[in-house]
PDB file of N, CA and C in Angstrom:
ATOM      1  N   MET A   1      17.209 -12.094  32.502  1.00  0.00           N
ATOM      2  CA  MET A   1      16.583 -10.943  31.898  1.00  0.00           C
ATOM      3  C   MET A   1      15.690 -11.382  30.747  1.00  0.00           C
ATOM      4  N   ALA A   2      14.452 -10.926  30.712  1.00  0.00           N
ATOM      5  CA  ALA A   2      13.499 -11.289  29.688  1.00  0.00           C
ATOM      6  C   ALA A   2      13.799 -10.509  28.385  1.00  0.00           C
ATOM      7  N   VAL A   3      13.634 -11.189  27.298  1.00  0.00           N
ATOM      8  CA  VAL A   3      13.820 -10.552  25.980  1.00  0.00           C
ATOM      9  C   VAL A   3      12.461 -10.155  25.457  1.00  0.00           C
ATOM     10  N   LYS A   4      12.305  -8.888  25.164  1.00  0.00           N
ATOM     11  CA  LYS A   4      11.040  -8.398  24.621  1.00  0.00           C
ATOM     12  C   LYS A   4      11.014  -8.610  23.118  1.00  0.00           C
ATOM     13  N   ALA A   5       9.906  -9.117  22.646  1.00  0.00           N
ATOM     14  CA  ALA A   5       9.759  -9.300  21.206  1.00  0.00           C
ATOM     15  C   ALA A   5       9.505  -7.962  20.558  1.00  0.00           C
ATOM     16  N   LYS A   6      10.156  -7.739  19.482  1.00  0.00           N
ATOM     17  CA  LYS A   6       9.975  -6.453  18.725  1.00  0.00           C
ATOM     18  C   LYS A   6       8.605  -6.491  18.081  1.00  0.00           C
ATOM     19  N   LYS A   7       7.873  -5.404  18.167  1.00  0.00           N
ATOM     20  CA  LYS A   7       6.575  -5.296  17.495  1.00  0.00           C
ATOM     21  C   LYS A   7       6.866  -5.242  15.999  1.00  0.00           C
ATOM     22  N   THR A   8       6.295  -6.190  15.255  1.00  0.00           N
ATOM     23  CA  THR A   8       6.546  -6.211  13.838  1.00  0.00           C
ATOM     24  C   THR A   8       5.551  -5.241  13.153  1.00  0.00           C
ATOM     25  N   GLU A   9       6.087  -4.368  12.399  1.00  0.00           N
ATOM     26  CA  GLU A   9       5.250  -3.455  11.640  1.00  0.00           C
ATOM     27  C   GLU A   9       4.967  -4.032  10.303  1.00  0.00           C
ATOM     28  N   GLY A  10       3.770  -3.783   9.824  1.00  0.00           N
ATOM     29  CA  GLY A  10       3.410  -4.258   8.491  1.00  0.00           C
ATOM     30  C   GLY A  10       4.003  -3.364   7.442  1.00  0.00           C
ATOM     31  N   LEU A  11       3.703  -3.634   6.215  1.00  0.00           N
ATOM     32  CA  LEU A  11       4.173  -2.879   5.081  1.00  0.00           C
ATOM     33  C   LEU A  11       3.520  -1.495   5.083  1.00  0.00           C
ATOM     34  N   THR A  12       4.259  -0.459   4.831  1.00  0.00           N
ATOM     35  CA  THR A  12       3.732   0.896   4.739  1.00  0.00           C
ATOM     36  C   THR A  12       4.212   1.557   3.463  1.00  0.00           C
ATOM     37  N   TYR A  13       3.464   2.569   3.055  1.00  0.00           N
ATOM     38  CA  TYR A  13       3.812   3.412   1.916  1.00  0.00           C
ATOM     39  C   TYR A  13       3.498   4.846   2.308  1.00  0.00           C
ATOM     40  N   LYS A  14       4.487   5.707   2.245  1.00  0.00           N
ATOM     41  CA  LYS A  14       4.349   7.113   2.637  1.00  0.00           C
ATOM     42  C   LYS A  14       3.765   7.228   4.044  1.00  0.00           C
ATOM     43  N   GLY A  15       4.188   6.333   4.935  1.00  0.00           N
ATOM     44  CA  GLY A  15       3.770   6.399   6.335  1.00  0.00           C
ATOM     45  C   GLY A  15       2.418   5.845   6.643  1.00  0.00           C
ATOM     46  N   ARG A  16       1.733   5.291   5.686  1.00  0.00           N
ATOM     47  CA  ARG A  16       0.421   4.707   5.917  1.00  0.00           C
ATOM     48  C   ARG A  16       0.452   3.189   5.667  1.00  0.00           C
ATOM     49  N   PRO A  17      -0.369   2.454   6.415  1.00  0.00           N
ATOM     50  CA  PRO A  17      -0.324   0.982   6.276  1.00  0.00           C
ATOM     51  C   PRO A  17      -0.880   0.466   4.950  1.00  0.00           C
ATOM     52  N   LEU A  18      -0.288  -0.609   4.474  1.00  0.00           N
ATOM     53  CA  LEU A  18      -0.743  -1.346   3.285  1.00  0.00           C
ATOM     54  C   LEU A  18      -1.065  -2.766   3.740  1.00  0.00           C
ATOM     55  N   MET A  19      -2.258  -3.253   3.404  1.00  0.00           N
ATOM     56  CA  MET A  19      -2.639  -4.599   3.747  1.00  0.00           C
ATOM     57  C   MET A  19      -3.192  -5.284   2.501  1.00  0.00           C
ATOM     58  N   ARG A  20      -2.776  -6.553   2.326  1.00  0.00           N
ATOM     59  CA  ARG A  20      -3.232  -7.314   1.170  1.00  0.00           C
ATOM     60  C   ARG A  20      -4.023  -8.519   1.597  1.00  0.00           C
ATOM     61  N   LYS A  21      -5.122  -8.768   0.888  1.00  0.00           N
ATOM     62  CA  LYS A  21      -5.874 -10.018   1.056  1.00  0.00           C
ATOM     63  C   LYS A  21      -6.278 -10.462  -0.330  1.00  0.00           C
ATOM     64  N   ASP A  22      -5.701 -11.586  -0.764  1.00  0.00           N
ATOM     65  CA  ASP A  22      -5.925 -12.111  -2.109  1.00  0.00           C
ATOM     66  C   ASP A  22      -5.623 -11.040  -3.156  1.00  0.00           C
ATOM     67  N   ASN A  23      -6.630 -10.636  -3.958  1.00  0.00           N
ATOM     68  CA  ASN A  23      -6.359  -9.648  -5.021  1.00  0.00           C
ATOM     69  C   ASN A  23      -6.757  -8.234  -4.607  1.00  0.00           C
ATOM     70  N   LEU A  24      -6.974  -8.022  -3.318  1.00  0.00           N
ATOM     71  CA  LEU A  24      -7.319  -6.703  -2.784  1.00  0.00           C
ATOM     72  C   LEU A  24      -6.144  -6.148  -1.984  1.00  0.00           C
ATOM     73  N   VAL A  25      -5.883  -4.837  -2.164  1.00  0.00           N
ATOM     74  CA  VAL A  25      -4.883  -4.154  -1.379  1.00  0.00           C
ATOM     75  C   VAL A  25      -5.535  -2.910  -0.775  1.00  0.00           C
ATOM     76  N   TYR A  26      -5.430  -2.796   0.542  1.00  0.00           N
ATOM     77  CA  TYR A  26      -5.973  -1.661   1.259  1.00  0.00           C
ATOM     78  C   TYR A  26      -4.860  -0.732   1.671  1.00  0.00           C
ATOM     79  N   TYR A  27      -5.044   0.567   1.472  1.00  0.00           N
ATOM     80  CA  TYR A  27      -4.035   1.568   1.807  1.00  0.00           C
ATOM     81  C   TYR A  27      -4.670   2.593   2.750  1.00  0.00           C
ATOM     82  N   GLY A  28      -4.129   2.764   3.909  1.00  0.00           N
ATOM     83  CA  GLY A  28      -4.651   3.692   4.876  1.00  0.00           C
ATOM     84  C   GLY A  28      -5.121   2.989   6.129  1.00  0.00           C
ATOM     85  N   SER A  29      -5.700   3.747   7.024  1.00  0.00           N
ATOM     86  CA  SER A  29      -6.138   3.223   8.307  1.00  0.00           C
ATOM     87  C   SER A  29      -7.651   3.301   8.429  1.00  0.00           C
ATOM     88  N   MET A  30      -8.264   2.218   8.932  1.00  0.00           N
ATOM     89  CA  MET A  30      -9.715   2.222   9.153  1.00  0.00           C
ATOM     90  C   MET A  30     -10.121   3.198  10.276  1.00  0.00           C
ATOM     91  N   ALA A  31      -9.155   3.656  11.034  1.00  0.00           N
ATOM     92  CA  ALA A  31      -9.430   4.643  12.112  1.00  0.00           C
ATOM     93  C   ALA A  31      -9.683   6.036  11.528  1.00  0.00           C
ATOM     94  N   GLU A  32      -9.296   6.247  10.275  1.00  0.00           N
ATOM     95  CA  GLU A  32      -9.515   7.571   9.637  1.00  0.00           C
ATOM     96  C   GLU A  32     -10.784   7.528   8.819  1.00  0.00           C
ATOM     97  N   LYS A  33     -11.184   8.678   8.276  1.00  0.00           N
ATOM     98  CA  LYS A  33     -12.469   8.779   7.578  1.00  0.00           C
ATOM     99  C   LYS A  33     -12.418   8.106   6.194  1.00  0.00           C
ATOM    100  N   TYR A  34     -11.254   8.068   5.561  1.00  0.00           N
ATOM    101  CA  TYR A  34     -11.138   7.510   4.216  1.00  0.00           C
ATOM    102  C   TYR A  34     -10.062   6.430   4.151  1.00  0.00           C
ATOM    103  N   ILE A  35     -10.209   5.576   3.144  1.00  0.00           N
ATOM    104  CA  ILE A  35      -9.225   4.529   2.870  1.00  0.00           C
ATOM    105  C   ILE A  35      -9.215   4.295   1.367  1.00  0.00           C
ATOM    106  N   ILE A  36      -8.096   3.749   0.856  1.00  0.00           N
ATOM    107  CA  ILE A  36      -8.019   3.379  -0.547  1.00  0.00           C
ATOM    108  C   ILE A  36      -8.114   1.873  -0.658  1.00  0.00           C
ATOM    109  N   MET A  37      -8.945   1.400  -1.591  1.00  0.00           N
ATOM    110  CA  MET A  37      -9.033  -0.013  -1.883  1.00  0.00           C
ATOM    111  C   MET A  37      -8.610  -0.224  -3.344  1.00  0.00           C
ATOM    112  N   MET A  38      -7.636  -1.119  -3.548  1.00  0.00           N
ATOM    113  CA  MET A  38      -7.215  -1.451  -4.891  1.00  0.00           C
ATOM    114  C   MET A  38      -7.507  -2.907  -5.165  1.00  0.00           C
ATOM    115  N   GLN A  39      -8.071  -3.202  -6.328  1.00  0.00           N
ATOM    116  CA  GLN A  39      -8.360  -4.582  -6.687  1.00  0.00           C
ATOM    117  C   GLN A  39      -7.629  -4.900  -7.988  1.00  0.00           C
ATOM    118  N   VAL A  40      -6.823  -5.957  -7.953  1.00  0.00           N
ATOM    119  CA  VAL A  40      -6.114  -6.395  -9.150  1.00  0.00           C
ATOM    120  C   VAL A  40      -7.129  -7.094 -10.048  1.00  0.00           C
ATOM    121  N   LEU A  41      -7.326  -6.515 -11.245  1.00  0.00           N
ATOM    122  CA  LEU A  41      -8.313  -7.045 -12.197  1.00  0.00           C
ATOM    123  C   LEU A  41      -7.674  -7.989 -13.220  1.00  0.00           C
ATOM    124  N   GLU A  42      -6.417  -7.700 -13.606  1.00  0.00           N
ATOM    125  CA  GLU A  42      -5.722  -8.534 -14.573  1.00  0.00           C
ATOM    126  C   GLU A  42      -4.247  -8.614 -14.189  1.00  0.00           C
ATOM    127  N   THR A  43      -3.637  -9.746 -14.501  1.00  0.00           N
ATOM    128  CA  THR A  43      -2.183  -9.897 -14.287  1.00  0.00           C
ATOM    129  C   THR A  43      -1.567 -10.402 -15.581  1.00  0.00           C
ATOM    130  N   ARG A  44      -0.238 -10.251 -15.676  1.00  0.00           N
ATOM    131  CA  ARG A  44       0.484 -10.778 -16.810  1.00  0.00           C
ATOM    132  C   ARG A  44       1.714 -11.493 -16.264  1.00  0.00           C
ATOM    133  N   PRO A  45       2.240 -12.455 -17.034  1.00  0.00           N
ATOM    134  CA  PRO A  45       3.432 -13.182 -16.579  1.00  0.00           C
ATOM    135  C   PRO A  45       4.641 -12.235 -16.449  1.00  0.00           C
ATOM    136  N   PHE A  46       5.431 -12.468 -15.425  1.00  0.00           N
ATOM    137  CA  PHE A  46       6.623 -11.680 -15.192  1.00  0.00           C
ATOM    138  C   PHE A  46       7.644 -12.581 -14.530  1.00  0.00           C
ATOM    139  N   GLY A  47       8.688 -12.929 -15.221  1.00  0.00           N
ATOM    140  CA  GLY A  47       9.677 -13.882 -14.711  1.00  0.00           C
ATOM    141  C   GLY A  47       8.987 -15.201 -14.381  1.00  0.00           C
ATOM    142  N   GLU A  48       9.174 -15.670 -13.128  1.00  0.00           N
ATOM    143  CA  GLU A  48       8.539 -16.907 -12.705  1.00  0.00           C
ATOM    144  C   GLU A  48       7.177 -16.687 -12.062  1.00  0.00           C
ATOM    145  N   GLY A  49       6.758 -15.421 -11.913  1.00  0.00           N
ATOM    146  CA  GLY A  49       5.477 -15.110 -11.258  1.00  0.00           C
ATOM    147  C   GLY A  49       4.616 -14.293 -12.198  1.00  0.00           C
ATOM    148  N   SER A  50       3.864 -13.375 -11.632  1.00  0.00           N
ATOM    149  CA  SER A  50       3.011 -12.515 -12.396  1.00  0.00           C
ATOM    150  C   SER A  50       3.014 -11.124 -11.757  1.00  0.00           C
ATOM    151  N   ILE A  51       2.566 -10.167 -12.574  1.00  0.00           N
ATOM    152  CA  ILE A  51       2.540  -8.784 -12.131  1.00  0.00           C
ATOM    153  C   ILE A  51       1.178  -8.190 -12.491  1.00  0.00           C
ATOM    154  N   ALA A  52       0.635  -7.291 -11.668  1.00  0.00           N
ATOM    155  CA  ALA A  52      -0.624  -6.672 -11.931  1.00  0.00           C
ATOM    156  C   ALA A  52      -0.542  -5.806 -13.159  1.00  0.00           C
ATOM    157  N   SER A  53      -1.472  -6.000 -14.098  1.00  0.00           N
ATOM    158  CA  SER A  53      -1.462  -5.164 -15.321  1.00  0.00           C
ATOM    159  C   SER A  53      -2.667  -4.225 -15.366  1.00  0.00           C
ATOM    160  N   LYS A  54      -3.748  -4.526 -14.676  1.00  0.00           N
ATOM    161  CA  LYS A  54      -4.895  -3.635 -14.612  1.00  0.00           C
ATOM    162  C   LYS A  54      -5.410  -3.652 -13.162  1.00  0.00           C
ATOM    163  N   VAL A  55      -5.526  -2.469 -12.595  1.00  0.00           N
ATOM    164  CA  VAL A  55      -5.924  -2.347 -11.182  1.00  0.00           C
ATOM    165  C   VAL A  55      -7.028  -1.315 -11.019  1.00  0.00           C
ATOM    166  N   SER A  56      -8.102  -1.674 -10.308  1.00  0.00           N
ATOM    167  CA  SER A  56      -9.161  -0.743  -9.976  1.00  0.00           C
ATOM    168  C   SER A  56      -8.783  -0.056  -8.645  1.00  0.00           C
ATOM    169  N   VAL A  57      -8.889   1.249  -8.581  1.00  0.00           N
ATOM    170  CA  VAL A  57      -8.566   1.984  -7.354  1.00  0.00           C
ATOM    171  C   VAL A  57      -9.791   2.795  -6.936  1.00  0.00           C
ATOM    172  N   GLN A  58     -10.110   2.754  -5.636  1.00  0.00           N
ATOM    173  CA  GLN A  58     -11.271   3.449  -5.126  1.00  0.00           C
ATOM    174  C   GLN A  58     -10.918   4.195  -3.831  1.00  0.00           C
ATOM    175  N   LEU A  59     -11.360   5.460  -3.725  1.00  0.00           N
ATOM    176  CA  LEU A  59     -11.306   6.180  -2.480  1.00  0.00           C
ATOM    177  C   LEU A  59     -12.650   5.876  -1.806  1.00  0.00           C
ATOM    178  N   GLN A  60     -12.598   5.348  -0.570  1.00  0.00           N
ATOM    179  CA  GLN A  60     -13.817   4.961   0.102  1.00  0.00           C
ATOM    180  C   GLN A  60     -13.909   5.569   1.485  1.00  0.00           C
ATOM    181  N   LEU A  61     -15.134   5.827   1.929  1.00  0.00           N
ATOM    182  CA  LEU A  61     -15.381   6.214   3.298  1.00  0.00           C
ATOM    183  C   LEU A  61     -15.259   4.946   4.161  1.00  0.00           C
ATOM    184  N   THR A  62     -14.815   5.088   5.384  1.00  0.00           N
ATOM    185  CA  THR A  62     -14.671   3.911   6.274  1.00  0.00           C
ATOM    186  C   THR A  62     -15.886   3.694   7.158  1.00  0.00           C
ATOM    187  N   ASP A  63     -16.928   4.502   6.996  1.00  0.00           N
ATOM    188  CA  ASP A  63     -18.120   4.412   7.820  1.00  0.00           C
ATOM    189  C   ASP A  63     -18.810   3.044   7.656  1.00  0.00           C
ATOM    190  N   PRO A  64     -18.859   2.223   8.704  1.00  0.00           N
ATOM    191  CA  PRO A  64     -19.416   0.848   8.582  1.00  0.00           C
ATOM    192  C   PRO A  64     -20.936   0.864   8.441  1.00  0.00           C
ATOM    193  N   ASP A  65     -21.589   2.004   8.722  1.00  0.00           N
ATOM    194  CA  ASP A  65     -23.027   2.072   8.614  1.00  0.00           C
ATOM    195  C   ASP A  65     -23.526   2.256   7.176  1.00  0.00           C
ATOM    196  N   LEU A  66     -22.617   2.644   6.286  1.00  0.00           N
ATOM    197  CA  LEU A  66     -22.973   2.853   4.880  1.00  0.00           C
ATOM    198  C   LEU A  66     -22.916   1.534   4.102  1.00  0.00           C
ATOM    199  N   LYS A  67     -23.756   1.422   3.088  1.00  0.00           N
ATOM    200  CA  LYS A  67     -23.689   0.241   2.174  1.00  0.00           C
ATOM    201  C   LYS A  67     -22.383   0.387   1.384  1.00  0.00           C
ATOM    202  N   SER A  68     -21.838  -0.756   0.930  1.00  0.00           N
ATOM    203  CA  SER A  68     -20.535  -0.725   0.258  1.00  0.00           C
ATOM    204  C   SER A  68     -20.516   0.196  -0.946  1.00  0.00           C
ATOM    205  N   ARG A  69     -21.605   0.247  -1.727  1.00  0.00           N
ATOM    206  CA  ARG A  69     -21.608   1.109  -2.943  1.00  0.00           C
ATOM    207  C   ARG A  69     -21.706   2.578  -2.541  1.00  0.00           C
ATOM    208  N   ASP A  70     -22.265   2.894  -1.374  1.00  0.00           N
ATOM    209  CA  ASP A  70     -22.371   4.259  -0.917  1.00  0.00           C
ATOM    210  C   ASP A  70     -21.070   4.797  -0.322  1.00  0.00           C
ATOM    211  N   ARG A  71     -20.133   3.900  -0.019  1.00  0.00           N
ATOM    212  CA  ARG A  71     -18.845   4.321   0.549  1.00  0.00           C
ATOM    213  C   ARG A  71     -17.893   4.859  -0.497  1.00  0.00           C
ATOM    214  N   ILE A  72     -18.122   4.531  -1.756  1.00  0.00           N
ATOM    215  CA  ILE A  72     -17.195   4.917  -2.825  1.00  0.00           C
ATOM    216  C   ILE A  72     -17.323   6.419  -3.134  1.00  0.00           C
ATOM    217  N   VAL A  73     -16.192   7.123  -3.028  1.00  0.00           N
ATOM    218  CA  VAL A  73     -16.142   8.553  -3.274  1.00  0.00           C
ATOM    219  C   VAL A  73     -15.590   8.827  -4.680  1.00  0.00           C
ATOM    220  N   LYS A  74     -14.532   8.117  -5.033  1.00  0.00           N
ATOM    221  CA  LYS A  74     -13.883   8.232  -6.367  1.00  0.00           C
ATOM    222  C   LYS A  74     -13.443   6.864  -6.802  1.00  0.00           C
ATOM    223  N   LYS A  75     -13.364   6.626  -8.133  1.00  0.00           N
ATOM    224  CA  LYS A  75     -12.807   5.368  -8.614  1.00  0.00           C
ATOM    225  C   LYS A  75     -12.199   5.561  -9.981  1.00  0.00           C
ATOM    226  N   ALA A  76     -11.223   4.698 -10.285  1.00  0.00           N
ATOM    227  CA  ALA A  76     -10.536   4.740 -11.576  1.00  0.00           C
ATOM    228  C   ALA A  76      -9.889   3.377 -11.815  1.00  0.00           C
ATOM    229  N   GLU A  77      -9.465   3.155 -13.067  1.00  0.00           N
ATOM    230  CA  GLU A  77      -8.693   1.956 -13.407  1.00  0.00           C
ATOM    231  C   GLU A  77      -7.320   2.433 -13.885  1.00  0.00           C
ATOM    232  N   LYS A  78      -6.282   1.763 -13.394  1.00  0.00           N
ATOM    233  CA  LYS A  78      -4.925   2.118 -13.758  1.00  0.00           C
ATOM    234  C   LYS A  78      -4.178   0.902 -14.290  1.00  0.00           C
ATOM    235  N   ASP A  79      -3.137   1.174 -15.102  1.00  0.00           N
ATOM    236  CA  ASP A  79      -2.277   0.098 -15.633  1.00  0.00           C
ATOM    237  C   ASP A  79      -1.147  -0.108 -14.636  1.00  0.00           C
ATOM    238  N   GLY A  80      -1.271  -1.144 -13.833  1.00  0.00           N
ATOM    239  CA  GLY A  80      -0.213  -1.477 -12.867  1.00  0.00           C
ATOM    240  C   GLY A  80      -0.514  -1.013 -11.446  1.00  0.00           C
ATOM    241  N   LEU A  81       0.037  -1.748 -10.521  1.00  0.00           N
ATOM    242  CA  LEU A  81      -0.176  -1.465  -9.084  1.00  0.00           C
ATOM    243  C   LEU A  81       0.496  -0.133  -8.692  1.00  0.00           C
ATOM    244  N   TYR A  82       1.640   0.165  -9.212  1.00  0.00           N
ATOM    245  CA  TYR A  82       2.314   1.426  -8.837  1.00  0.00           C
ATOM    246  C   TYR A  82       1.472   2.629  -9.212  1.00  0.00           C
ATOM    247  N   SER A  83       0.943   2.642 -10.426  1.00  0.00           N
ATOM    248  CA  SER A  83       0.103   3.770 -10.875  1.00  0.00           C
ATOM    249  C   SER A  83      -1.138   3.902  -9.985  1.00  0.00           C
ATOM    250  N   ALA A  84      -1.737   2.762  -9.646  1.00  0.00           N
ATOM    251  CA  ALA A  84      -2.931   2.784  -8.799  1.00  0.00           C
ATOM    252  C   ALA A  84      -2.565   3.294  -7.393  1.00  0.00           C
ATOM    253  N   LEU A  85      -1.466   2.842  -6.853  1.00  0.00           N
ATOM    254  CA  LEU A  85      -1.040   3.281  -5.517  1.00  0.00           C
ATOM    255  C   LEU A  85      -0.677   4.750  -5.523  1.00  0.00           C
ATOM    256  N   ASP A  86      -0.072   5.193  -6.595  1.00  0.00           N
ATOM    257  CA  ASP A  86       0.336   6.608  -6.722  1.00  0.00           C
ATOM    258  C   ASP A  86      -0.895   7.517  -6.706  1.00  0.00           C
ATOM    259  N   VAL A  87      -1.878   7.228  -7.541  1.00  0.00           N
ATOM    260  CA  VAL A  87      -3.079   8.082  -7.568  1.00  0.00           C
ATOM    261  C   VAL A  87      -3.887   7.908  -6.285  1.00  0.00           C
ATOM    262  N   GLY A  88      -3.912   6.721  -5.756  1.00  0.00           N
ATOM    263  CA  GLY A  88      -4.634   6.467  -4.499  1.00  0.00           C
ATOM    264  C   GLY A  88      -4.032   7.263  -3.342  1.00  0.00           C
ATOM    265  N   ALA A  89      -2.710   7.332  -3.286  1.00  0.00           N
ATOM    266  CA  ALA A  89      -2.034   8.093  -2.229  1.00  0.00           C
ATOM    267  C   ALA A  89      -2.395   9.586  -2.315  1.00  0.00           C
ATOM    268  N   VAL A  90      -2.452  10.122  -3.517  1.00  0.00           N
ATOM    269  CA  VAL A  90      -2.830  11.534  -3.695  1.00  0.00           C
ATOM    270  C   VAL A  90      -4.255  11.778  -3.277  1.00  0.00           C
ATOM    271  N   TRP A  91      -5.167  10.879  -3.720  1.00  0.00           N
ATOM    272  CA  TRP A  91      -6.588  11.015  -3.365  1.00  0.00           C
ATOM    273  C   TRP A  91      -6.771  10.987  -1.861  1.00  0.00           C
ATOM    274  N   LEU A  92      -6.084  10.013  -1.199  1.00  0.00           N
ATOM    275  CA  LEU A  92      -6.224   9.845   0.245  1.00  0.00           C
ATOM    276  C   LEU A  92      -5.699  11.066   0.996  1.00  0.00           C
ATOM    277  N   GLU A  93      -4.515  11.551   0.610  1.00  0.00           N
ATOM    278  CA  GLU A  93      -3.940  12.709   1.266  1.00  0.00           C
ATOM    279  C   GLU A  93      -4.865  13.932   1.142  1.00  0.00           C
ATOM    280  N   ARG A  94      -5.390  14.161  -0.050  1.00  0.00           N
ATOM    281  CA  ARG A  94      -6.272  15.299  -0.265  1.00  0.00           C
ATOM    282  C   ARG A  94      -7.554  15.167   0.534  1.00  0.00           C
ATOM    283  N   ALA A  95      -8.168  14.007   0.507  1.00  0.00           N
ATOM    284  CA  ALA A  95      -9.429  13.761   1.219  1.00  0.00           C
ATOM    285  C   ALA A  95      -9.258  13.952   2.739  1.00  0.00           C
ATOM    286  N   LEU A  96      -8.167  13.419   3.288  1.00  0.00           N
ATOM    287  CA  LEU A  96      -7.933  13.543   4.712  1.00  0.00           C
ATOM    288  C   LEU A  96      -7.589  14.982   5.102  1.00  0.00           C
ATOM    289  N   ALA A  97      -6.849  15.682   4.241  1.00  0.00           N
ATOM    290  CA  ALA A  97      -6.503  17.093   4.495  1.00  0.00           C
ATOM    291  C   ALA A  97      -7.759  17.961   4.450  1.00  0.00           C
ATOM    292  N   GLN A  98      -8.629  17.690   3.499  1.00  0.00           N
ATOM    293  CA  GLN A  98      -9.884  18.432   3.365  1.00  0.00           C
ATOM    294  C   GLN A  98     -10.772  18.184   4.570  1.00  0.00           C
ATOM    295  N   ASN A  99     -10.798  16.951   5.048  1.00  0.00           N
ATOM    296  CA  ASN A  99     -11.591  16.568   6.206  1.00  0.00           C
ATOM    297  C   ASN A  99     -11.103  17.297   7.457  1.00  0.00           C
ATOM    298  N   LYS A 100      -9.787  17.440   7.585  1.00  0.00           N
ATOM    299  CA  LYS A 100      -9.210  18.145   8.749  1.00  0.00           C
ATOM    300  C   LYS A 100      -9.597  19.610   8.740  1.00  0.00           C
ATOM    301  N   GLN A 101      -9.619  20.208   7.531  1.00  0.00           N
ATOM    302  CA  GLN A 101      -9.976  21.630   7.415  1.00  0.00           C
ATOM    303  C   GLN A 101     -11.430  21.884   7.820  1.00  0.00           C
ATOM    304  N   LYS A 102     -12.317  20.920   7.438  1.00  0.00           N
ATOM    305  CA  LYS A 102     -13.758  21.051   7.762  1.00  0.00           C
ATOM    306  C   LYS A 102     -13.987  20.846   9.236  1.00  0.00           C
ATOM    307  N   GLY A 103     -13.275  19.880   9.823  1.00  0.00           N
ATOM    308  CA  GLY A 103     -13.564  19.502  11.214  1.00  0.00           C
ATOM    309  C   GLY A 103     -12.716  20.239  12.135  1.00  0.00           C
TER     310      GLY A 103
END
């Protein structure tokens, strides 16, 4: 009998995917109209590692035909990754809900 490999799911927050590349964290799906991009701007020592102390958060359109600066819908800077993720999650939910109402 063959053993099927379990599909490994990536990290999620409130049911949406989280992906990290270096100092960038993406929240949401590229298949939807909007996504959140967070960039760690500053870190501070924490135990044996470091923790994000200043994070830029942006609500962006996923349209690949737009220039990167034209994709930005909203932006802010937050103290810490949790604060950035919290506000980003609210922005994303509202933007996607509004988009569903229009379409």
